[in-house]
C-alpha atoms as a PDB file:
ATOM      1  CA  UNK A   1      29.532  18.129  15.264  1.00  0.00           C
ATOM      2  CA  UNK A   2      25.403  17.856  16.494  1.00  0.00           C
ATOM      3  CA  UNK A   3      22.622  16.791  15.029  1.00  0.00           C
ATOM      4  CA  UNK A   4      21.077  20.009  14.362  1.00  0.00           C
ATOM      5  CA  UNK A   5      23.860  21.044  12.432  1.00  0.00           C
ATOM      6  CA  UNK A   6      24.762  17.774  10.892  1.00  0.00           C
ATOM      7  CA  UNK A   7      20.633  18.247   9.579  1.00  0.00           C
ATOM      8  CA  UNK A   8      20.803  21.856   8.173  1.00  0.00           C
ATOM      9  CA  UNK A   9      23.861  21.090   5.815  1.00  0.00           C
ATOM     10  CA  UNK A  10      21.297  18.367   4.213  1.00  0.00           C
ATOM     11  CA  UNK A  11      18.086  19.408   3.856  1.00  0.00           C
ATOM     12  CA  UNK A  12      16.151  23.308   3.395  1.00  0.00           C
ATOM     13  CA  UNK A  13      12.857  24.200   3.735  1.00  0.00           C
ATOM     14  CA  UNK A  14      10.880  24.114   0.371  1.00  0.00           C
ATOM     15  CA  UNK A  15      13.064  20.790  -0.109  1.00  0.00           C
ATOM     16  CA  UNK A  16      10.977  18.051  -2.246  1.00  0.00           C
ATOM     17  CA  UNK A  17      11.017  14.482  -0.266  1.00  0.00           C
ATOM     18  CA  UNK A  18       9.334  11.324  -0.169  1.00  0.00           C
ATOM     19  CA  UNK A  19       6.874  10.412   2.574  1.00  0.00           C
ATOM     20  CA  UNK A  20       5.716   6.638   2.896  1.00  0.00           C
ATOM     21  CA  UNK A  21       2.825   5.431   5.039  1.00  0.00           C
ATOM     22  CA  UNK A  22       0.776   2.141   5.610  1.00  0.00           C
ATOM     23  CA  UNK A  23      -2.557   1.622   4.592  1.00  0.00           C
ATOM     24  CA  UNK A  24      -4.937  -0.241   7.301  1.00  0.00           C
ATOM     25  CA  UNK A  25      -4.420  -3.063   5.200  1.00  0.00           C
ATOM     26  CA  UNK A  26      -0.833  -2.921   5.850  1.00  0.00           C
ATOM     27  CA  UNK A  27       0.206  -2.059   2.294  1.00  0.00           C
ATOM     28  CA  UNK A  28       2.749   1.003   2.147  1.00  0.00           C
ATOM     29  CA  UNK A  29       2.169   3.948  -0.020  1.00  0.00           C
ATOM     30  CA  UNK A  30       4.429   6.591  -1.468  1.00  0.00           C
ATOM     31  CA  UNK A  31       4.074   9.862  -2.608  1.00  0.00           C
ATOM     32  CA  UNK A  32       6.613  12.934  -3.134  1.00  0.00           C
ATOM     33  CA  UNK A  33       5.593  16.133  -0.749  1.00  0.00           C
ATOM     34  CA  UNK A  34       7.303  19.348   0.060  1.00  0.00           C
ATOM     35  CA  UNK A  35       8.804  19.895   2.747  1.00  0.00           C
ATOM     36  CA  UNK A  36       7.682  23.753   3.924  1.00  0.00           C
ATOM     37  CA  UNK A  37       9.535  23.938   7.714  1.00  0.00           C
ATOM     38  CA  UNK A  38      12.323  22.258   9.807  1.00  0.00           C
ATOM     39  CA  UNK A  39      12.368  23.100  13.324  1.00  0.00           C
ATOM     40  CA  UNK A  40      14.210  21.181  16.421  1.00  0.00           C
ATOM     41  CA  UNK A  41      10.775  19.613  16.716  1.00  0.00           C
ATOM     42  CA  UNK A  42      11.235  17.536  13.510  1.00  0.00           C
ATOM     43  CA  UNK A  43       9.806  18.287   9.456  1.00  0.00           C
ATOM     44  CA  UNK A  44       6.690  20.268   8.940  1.00  0.00           C
ATOM     45  CA  UNK A  45       4.499  19.399   5.657  1.00  0.00           C
ATOM     46  CA  UNK A  46       1.002  20.010   4.662  1.00  0.00           C
ATOM     47  CA  UNK A  47      -1.736  18.447   3.359  1.00  0.00           C
ATOM     48  CA  UNK A  48      -6.236  17.503   3.499  1.00  0.00           C
ATOM     49  CA  UNK A  49      -6.425  15.216   6.449  1.00  0.00           C
ATOM     50  CA  UNK A  50      -9.036  13.929   5.101  1.00  0.00           C
ATOM     51  CA  UNK A  51      -6.456  12.308   2.301  1.00  0.00           C
ATOM     52  CA  UNK A  52      -5.336   8.782   1.386  1.00  0.00           C
ATOM     53  CA  UNK A  53      -1.541  10.238   3.171  1.00  0.00           C
ATOM     54  CA  UNK A  54      -3.687  11.780   6.116  1.00  0.00           C
ATOM     55  CA  UNK A  55      -6.132   8.439   5.991  1.00  0.00           C
ATOM     56  CA  UNK A  56      -2.952   6.405   6.644  1.00  0.00           C
ATOM     57  CA  UNK A  57      -1.231   8.061   8.794  1.00  0.00           C
ATOM     58  CA  UNK A  58      -4.524   8.259  11.385  1.00  0.00           C
ATOM     59  CA  UNK A  59      -4.015   4.302  10.656  1.00  0.00           C
ATOM     60  CA  UNK A  60      -0.614   4.541  11.776  1.00  0.00           C
ATOM     61  CA  UNK A  61       1.900   7.695  12.603  1.00  0.00           C
ATOM     62  CA  UNK A  62       5.203   5.015  12.105  1.00  0.00           C
ATOM     63  CA  UNK A  63       5.923   6.542   8.409  1.00  0.00           C
ATOM     64  CA  UNK A  64       9.646   7.752   7.315  1.00  0.00           C
ATOM     65  CA  UNK A  65      10.740  10.573   4.868  1.00  0.00           C
ATOM     66  CA  UNK A  66      13.026   9.484   1.772  1.00  0.00           C
ATOM     67  CA  UNK A  67      15.385  12.983   0.651  1.00  0.00           C
ATOM     68  CA  UNK A  68      17.811  12.134  -2.380  1.00  0.00           C
ATOM     69  CA  UNK A  69      19.938  14.047  -4.642  1.00  0.00           C
ATOM     70  CA  UNK A  70      20.947  12.024  -7.341  1.00  0.00           C
ATOM     71  CA  UNK A  71      23.781  14.384  -8.495  1.00  0.00           C
ATOM     72  CA  UNK A  72      25.856  13.938  -5.694  1.00  0.00           C
ATOM     73  CA  UNK A  73      24.903  10.697  -4.716  1.00  0.00           C
ATOM     74  CA  UNK A  74      23.766  10.941  -1.600  1.00  0.00           C
ATOM     75  CA  UNK A  75      20.109  10.472   0.457  1.00  0.00           C
ATOM     76  CA  UNK A  76      18.617  10.201   3.960  1.00  0.00           C
ATOM     77  CA  UNK A  77      16.192   7.733   5.294  1.00  0.00           C
ATOM     78  CA  UNK A  78      14.274   9.982   8.824  1.00  0.00           C
ATOM     79  CA  UNK A  79      11.599   7.607  10.381  1.00  0.00           C
ATOM     80  CA  UNK A  80       9.901   8.599  13.035  1.00  0.00           C
ATOM     81  CA  UNK A  81       6.261   9.572  14.318  1.00  0.00           C
ATOM     82  CA  UNK A  82       3.592  11.951  12.665  1.00  0.00           C
ATOM     83  CA  UNK A  83       1.556  14.573  14.636  1.00  0.00           C
ATOM     84  CA  UNK A  84      -0.449  16.962  13.805  1.00  0.00           C
ATOM     85  CA  UNK A  85       0.669  20.662  14.242  1.00  0.00           C
ATOM     86  CA  UNK A  86      -0.783  23.199  15.787  1.00  0.00           C
ATOM     87  CA  UNK A  87      -4.423  24.599  13.845  1.00  0.00           C
ATOM     88  CA  UNK A  88      -2.057  28.177  14.424  1.00  0.00           C
ATOM     89  CA  UNK A  89       0.701  26.943  12.884  1.00  0.00           C
ATOM     90  CA  UNK A  90      -1.569  25.344   9.739  1.00  0.00           C
ATOM     91  CA  UNK A  91      -3.433  29.107   9.685  1.00  0.00           C
ATOM     92  CA  UNK A  92      -0.130  30.618   9.278  1.00  0.00           C
ATOM     93  CA  UNK A  93       1.181  29.198   6.825  1.00  0.00           C
ATOM     94  CA  UNK A  94      -1.858  28.747   4.681  1.00  0.00           C
ATOM     95  CA  UNK A  95      -2.175  32.405   5.060  1.00  0.00           C
ATOM     96  CA  UNK A  96       1.328  32.861   3.354  1.00  0.00           C
ATOM     97  CA  UNK A  97      -0.017  30.573   0.572  1.00  0.00           C
ATOM     98  CA  UNK A  98      -1.415  31.849  -3.132  1.00  0.00           C
ATOM     99  CA  UNK A  99      -4.981  32.613  -3.580  1.00  0.00           C
ATOM    100  CA  UNK A 100      -5.378  30.406  -6.579  1.00  0.00           C
ATOM    101  CA  UNK A 101      -3.267  27.933  -4.083  1.00  0.00           C
ATOM    102  CA  UNK A 102      -6.016  28.692  -0.807  1.00  0.00           C
ATOM    103  CA  UNK A 103      -9.279  27.944  -2.955  1.00  0.00           C
ATOM    104  CA  UNK A 104      -7.297  24.977  -4.617  1.00  0.00           C
ATOM    105  CA  UNK A 105      -7.392  23.712  -0.327  1.00  0.00           C
ATOM    106  CA  UNK A 106     -11.570  24.001  -0.409  1.00  0.00           C
ATOM    107  CA  UNK A 107     -11.929  22.881  -4.081  1.00  0.00           C
ATOM    108  CA  UNK A 108      -9.617  19.496  -3.867  1.00  0.00           C
ATOM    109  CA  UNK A 109     -11.247  16.320  -1.880  1.00  0.00           C
ATOM    110  CA  UNK A 110      -7.765  15.549  -2.748  1.00  0.00           C
ATOM    111  CA  UNK A 111      -6.756  11.666  -3.206  1.00  0.00           C
ATOM    112  CA  UNK A 112     -11.211  11.268  -4.000  1.00  0.00           C
ATOM    113  CA  UNK A 113     -12.256  10.230  -7.387  1.00  0.00           C
ATOM    114  CA  UNK A 114     -13.457  12.988  -9.330  1.00  0.00           C
ATOM    115  CA  UNK A 115     -16.050  12.150 -12.606  1.00  0.00           C
ATOM    116  CA  UNK A 116     -14.519  14.234 -14.853  1.00  0.00           C
ATOM    117  CA  UNK A 117     -11.762  17.761 -14.669  1.00  0.00           C
ATOM    118  CA  UNK A 118     -14.991  19.898 -15.500  1.00  0.00           C
ATOM    119  CA  UNK A 119     -16.658  18.593 -11.827  1.00  0.00           C
ATOM    120  CA  UNK A 120     -12.943  19.940 -10.341  1.00  0.00           C
ATOM    121  CA  UNK A 121     -12.835  23.423 -12.539  1.00  0.00           C
ATOM    122  CA  UNK A 122     -16.991  24.135 -11.365  1.00  0.00           C
ATOM    123  CA  UNK A 123     -15.538  23.850  -7.551  1.00  0.00           C
ATOM    124  CA  UNK A 124     -12.776  25.768  -8.611  1.00  0.00           C
ATOM    125  CA  UNK A 125     -15.426  28.260  -9.916  1.00  0.00           C
ATOM    126  CA  UNK A 126     -17.505  27.942  -7.206  1.00  0.00           C
ATOM    127  CA  UNK A 127     -14.848  28.912  -4.654  1.00  0.00           C
ATOM    128  CA  UNK A 128     -13.835  31.924  -6.638  1.00  0.00           C
ATOM    129  CA  UNK A 129     -16.979  33.358  -6.305  1.00  0.00           C
ATOM    130  CA  UNK A 130     -18.359  32.271  -2.612  1.00  0.00           C
ATOM    131  CA  UNK A 131     -14.748  33.886  -1.571  1.00  0.00           C
ATOM    132  CA  UNK A 132     -14.572  36.728  -4.093  1.00  0.00           C
ATOM    133  CA  UNK A 133     -12.922  40.418  -2.237  1.00  0.00           C
ATOM    134  CA  UNK A 134     -12.652  37.730   0.868  1.00  0.00           C
ATOM    135  CA  UNK A 135      -9.928  36.450   3.031  1.00  0.00           C
ATOM    136  CA  UNK A 136      -9.701  32.632   2.657  1.00  0.00           C
ATOM    137  CA  UNK A 137      -9.900  31.053   5.776  1.00  0.00           C
ATOM    138  CA  UNK A 138      -8.094  27.675   6.211  1.00  0.00           C
ATOM    139  CA  UNK A 139     -10.315  24.859   6.151  1.00  0.00           C
ATOM    140  CA  UNK A 140     -10.275  22.910   8.651  1.00  0.00           C
ATOM    141  CA  UNK A 141      -9.578  19.574   6.439  1.00  0.00           C
ATOM    142  CA  UNK A 142      -6.900  21.104   5.853  1.00  0.00           C
ATOM    143  CA  UNK A 143      -3.215  21.421   7.683  1.00  0.00           C
ATOM    144  CA  UNK A 144       0.344  20.444   8.582  1.00  0.00           C
ATOM    145  CA  UNK A 145       2.060  17.375  10.203  1.00  0.00           C
ATOM    146  CA  UNK A 146       5.209  16.994  11.813  1.00  0.00           C
ATOM    147  CA  UNK A 147       7.833  13.885  11.563  1.00  0.00           C
ATOM    148  CA  UNK A 148       9.651  13.846  14.721  1.00  0.00           C
ATOM    149  CA  UNK A 149      12.338  12.236  14.071  1.00  0.00           C
ATOM    150  CA  UNK A 150      13.101   8.971  15.550  1.00  0.00           C
ATOM    151  CA  UNK A 151      16.539   7.859  13.229  1.00  0.00           C
ATOM    152  CA  UNK A 152      17.915   9.315  10.184  1.00  0.00           C
ATOM    153  CA  UNK A 153      20.228   7.383   7.840  1.00  0.00           C
ATOM    154  CA  UNK A 154      23.187   8.619   5.978  1.00  0.00           C
ATOM    155  CA  UNK A 155      23.773   7.302   2.443  1.00  0.00           C
ATOM    156  CA  UNK A 156      26.796   8.449   0.314  1.00  0.00           C
ATOM    157  CA  UNK A 157      27.720   5.995  -2.862  1.00  0.00           C
ATOM    158  CA  UNK A 158      30.951   4.833  -3.305  1.00  0.00           C
ATOM    159  CA  UNK A 159      32.466   2.535  -6.766  1.00  0.00           C
ATOM    160  CA  UNK A 160      31.814  -0.917  -6.568  1.00  0.00           C
ATOM    161  CA  UNK A 161      28.392  -0.402  -4.222  1.00  0.00           C
ATOM    162  CA  UNK A 162      30.501   0.025  -1.402  1.00  0.00           C
ATOM    163  CA  UNK A 163      28.771   2.810  -0.137  1.00  0.00           C
ATOM    164  CA  UNK A 164      29.358   4.447   2.954  1.00  0.00           C
ATOM    165  CA  UNK A 165      26.140   4.115   5.600  1.00  0.00           C
ATOM    166  CA  UNK A 166      25.794   5.811   9.097  1.00  0.00           C
ATOM    167  CA  UNK A 167      23.018   6.298  11.637  1.00  0.00           C
ATOM    168  CA  UNK A 168      21.883   7.870  14.031  1.00  0.00           C
ATOM    169  CA  UNK A 169      19.134   6.630  16.572  1.00  0.00           C
ATOM    170  CA  UNK A 170      17.178   7.961  19.447  1.00  0.00           C
ATOM    171  CA  UNK A 171      16.850   6.927  22.747  1.00  0.00           C
ATOM    172  CA  UNK A 172      15.959   8.621  26.340  1.00  0.00           C
ATOM    173  CA  UNK A 173      16.529  11.287  24.306  1.00  0.00           C
ATOM    174  CA  UNK A 174      20.439  10.475  23.197  1.00  0.00           C
ATOM    175  CA  UNK A 175      21.095  10.370  19.996  1.00  0.00           C
ATOM    176  CA  UNK A 176      23.903   7.726  19.096  1.00  0.00           C
ATOM    177  CA  UNK A 177      25.796   6.656  15.520  1.00  0.00           C
ATOM    178  CA  UNK A 178      26.784   3.717  13.949  1.00  0.00           C
ATOM    179  CA  UNK A 179      27.973   2.753  10.437  1.00  0.00           C
ATOM    180  CA  UNK A 180      26.259   0.518   8.613  1.00  0.00           C
ATOM    181  CA  UNK A 181      27.949  -2.281   5.949  1.00  0.00           C
ATOM    182  CA  UNK A 182      27.071  -1.179   2.558  1.00  0.00           C
END
């Protein structure tokens, strides 16, 4: 079984996952993001390019993703480098978003401090009026990132904490698998 087949058995588009980044100060940060697509190149999510996660990625493109399924006691941790998707790919996805989500992308200065909820609601109203009866374009400060994986660690819980773990790593375009101690 190839790694692509194995991966497709675990993941589905529109899955929630934990994205972990490191700030320029060396502080780790994790948050939930929505996996929008995956392909042979990697895993794609979309965000504001001025958000904290984006600033972290600009400083250090090495990140990890974590998928966790508590009911079946499984997780998959993926490490690798992040790169921006093409403008065309970002625009194509943006077109599929709801109108309110598009307005939200324009109105939100993601991760920045706001003085009040009313200030944000005023921004929503401003962009709603600006784009009334118009096509809402994809902001240049918004788009996608793709994680290009360098490792996949699969973990399955077992009794007495004797978990089953194995890791795929890539070197010279060849994936190798190793079993890990619990």
